[in-house]
Protein backbone atom coordinates (compact mmCIF):
# COMPACT_ATOMS: atom_id res chain seq x y z
CA MET A 1 17.88 12.93 -89.77
CA ALA A 2 15.21 11.64 -91.92
CA THR A 3 13.98 13.62 -94.98
CA PRO A 4 10.08 14.26 -94.73
CA THR A 5 8.49 12.60 -97.58
CA ILE A 6 5.79 14.45 -99.61
CA ASN A 7 2.44 13.03 -99.04
CA GLN A 8 0.25 12.20 -102.02
CA ALA A 9 -2.88 13.98 -102.23
CA GLU A 10 -5.62 11.51 -100.51
CA GLU A 11 -8.26 10.65 -103.35
CA LEU A 12 -11.61 11.61 -102.27
CA PRO A 13 -14.57 9.35 -102.83
CA ASN A 14 -16.78 10.24 -105.74
CA GLY A 15 -19.86 8.63 -104.36
CA PRO A 16 -21.39 11.95 -103.04
CA ILE A 17 -20.82 13.80 -106.41
CA ALA A 18 -22.42 10.84 -108.45
CA ALA A 19 -25.47 10.88 -105.95
CA ALA A 20 -25.87 14.71 -106.62
CA LEU A 21 -25.56 14.05 -110.28
CA VAL A 22 -28.30 11.33 -110.29
CA ALA A 23 -30.60 13.20 -107.91
CA GLY A 24 -30.55 16.18 -110.54
CA GLY A 25 -31.65 13.62 -113.09
CA ILE A 26 -34.45 12.35 -110.81
CA GLY A 27 -35.51 15.93 -110.38
CA SER A 28 -35.63 16.73 -114.06
CA ALA A 29 -37.36 13.47 -114.81
CA VAL A 30 -40.03 14.20 -112.13
CA ILE A 31 -40.75 17.86 -113.54
CA GLY A 32 -41.27 16.18 -117.05
CA LEU A 33 -43.67 13.69 -115.57
CA MET A 34 -45.44 16.43 -113.68
CA THR A 35 -45.84 18.30 -117.07
CA VAL A 36 -47.26 15.35 -118.78
CA LEU A 37 -49.65 14.69 -115.70
CA ASN A 38 -50.67 18.45 -115.51
CA GLU A 39 -51.82 17.97 -119.24
CA ALA A 40 -53.49 14.82 -118.83
CA SER A 41 -55.66 15.43 -115.86
CA PRO A 42 -57.53 18.55 -114.88
CA ALA A 43 -57.62 17.23 -111.33
CA ILE A 44 -53.99 17.20 -111.25
CA SER A 45 -53.52 20.45 -113.02
CA ASN A 46 -55.66 22.19 -110.14
CA THR A 47 -53.59 20.34 -107.35
CA LEU A 48 -50.40 21.87 -108.96
CA LYS A 49 -51.69 25.39 -108.73
CA TRP A 50 -49.84 26.19 -105.53
CA VAL A 51 -49.49 29.88 -106.41
CA GLY A 52 -52.38 31.37 -108.12
CA PRO A 53 -50.81 33.78 -110.80
CA VAL A 54 -48.06 31.37 -111.43
CA GLY A 55 -50.52 28.37 -111.94
CA PRO A 56 -49.51 24.65 -112.06
CA LEU A 57 -46.07 25.75 -112.90
CA SER A 58 -45.41 26.49 -109.30
CA GLY A 59 -46.50 22.92 -108.23
CA LYS A 60 -44.55 21.18 -111.12
CA THR A 61 -41.28 22.85 -109.97
CA GLY A 62 -42.07 22.70 -106.47
CA VAL A 63 -42.47 18.74 -106.63
CA GLY A 64 -39.39 18.36 -108.76
CA VAL A 65 -37.25 20.42 -106.30
CA ILE A 66 -38.72 18.57 -103.35
CA VAL A 67 -37.90 15.15 -105.11
CA PHE A 68 -34.57 16.31 -105.91
CA PHE A 69 -33.44 17.22 -102.38
CA VAL A 70 -34.99 14.11 -100.91
CA SER A 71 -33.31 11.96 -103.36
CA TRP A 72 -30.03 13.81 -103.08
CA ILE A 73 -30.19 13.25 -99.24
CA VAL A 74 -30.99 9.46 -99.53
CA LEU A 75 -28.43 8.88 -102.28
CA HIS A 76 -25.87 10.93 -100.57
CA VAL A 77 -26.29 8.78 -97.27
CA ILE A 78 -26.10 5.54 -99.30
CA TYR A 79 -22.91 6.39 -101.33
CA ARG A 80 -21.25 8.71 -98.62
CA GLY A 81 -17.39 7.72 -98.40
CA LYS A 82 -17.60 5.28 -101.38
CA ASN A 83 -16.06 5.22 -105.04
CA VAL A 84 -18.50 4.23 -107.66
CA ASP A 85 -18.51 3.59 -111.33
CA PHE A 86 -18.82 7.51 -112.23
CA ALA A 87 -19.41 6.74 -115.91
CA ARG A 88 -22.41 4.50 -115.07
CA PHE A 89 -24.08 7.16 -112.62
CA ALA A 90 -23.53 9.85 -115.24
CA THR A 91 -25.15 7.88 -117.97
CA ILE A 92 -27.96 7.22 -115.57
CA ALA A 93 -28.26 11.07 -114.86
CA LEU A 94 -28.17 11.84 -118.41
CA ILE A 95 -31.11 9.27 -119.48
CA LEU A 96 -33.29 10.97 -116.69
CA LEU A 97 -32.32 14.28 -117.84
CA GLY A 98 -33.51 13.39 -121.30
CA LEU A 99 -36.71 11.85 -119.94
CA GLY A 100 -37.33 15.20 -117.96
CA LEU A 101 -36.57 17.37 -121.18
CA LEU A 102 -38.84 15.05 -123.38
CA GLY A 103 -41.70 15.47 -120.92
CA THR A 104 -41.51 19.35 -120.98
CA PHE A 105 -41.31 19.17 -124.84
CA PRO A 106 -44.70 20.59 -125.95
CA PRO A 107 -45.20 18.21 -129.05
CA PHE A 108 -44.85 15.46 -126.47
CA PHE A 109 -46.77 16.63 -123.52
CA ASP A 110 -49.42 17.72 -125.97
CA LEU A 111 -50.17 14.15 -126.86
CA PHE A 112 -51.41 13.48 -123.46
CA ALA A 113 -53.85 16.68 -123.36
CA ALA A 114 -57.13 16.12 -121.69
CA GLY A 115 -59.84 16.65 -124.49
């Protein structure tokens, strides 16, 4: 009688996780960009006023969330079932997150304020 062997745990691909991480960075960078554009252009500021009492904040976050989900879906489809260089993807995500934070930092976005 053969002794059953213990199956080693199957390693799951890390592509979908990396895709979600980068999509979060993209969404953050878009919110930073929308913040800068809101300050730079009164027309864009008015366009971003999706909910009256909230003002342009509703549009800035709304656009960021929409871009996050779209980029997550696209990247997930591209990297589904694949193993990727996770450190590279994490670095890209952190750079995008940093750009997003910079864009929402008042001394930075005030540099672009419309006179």
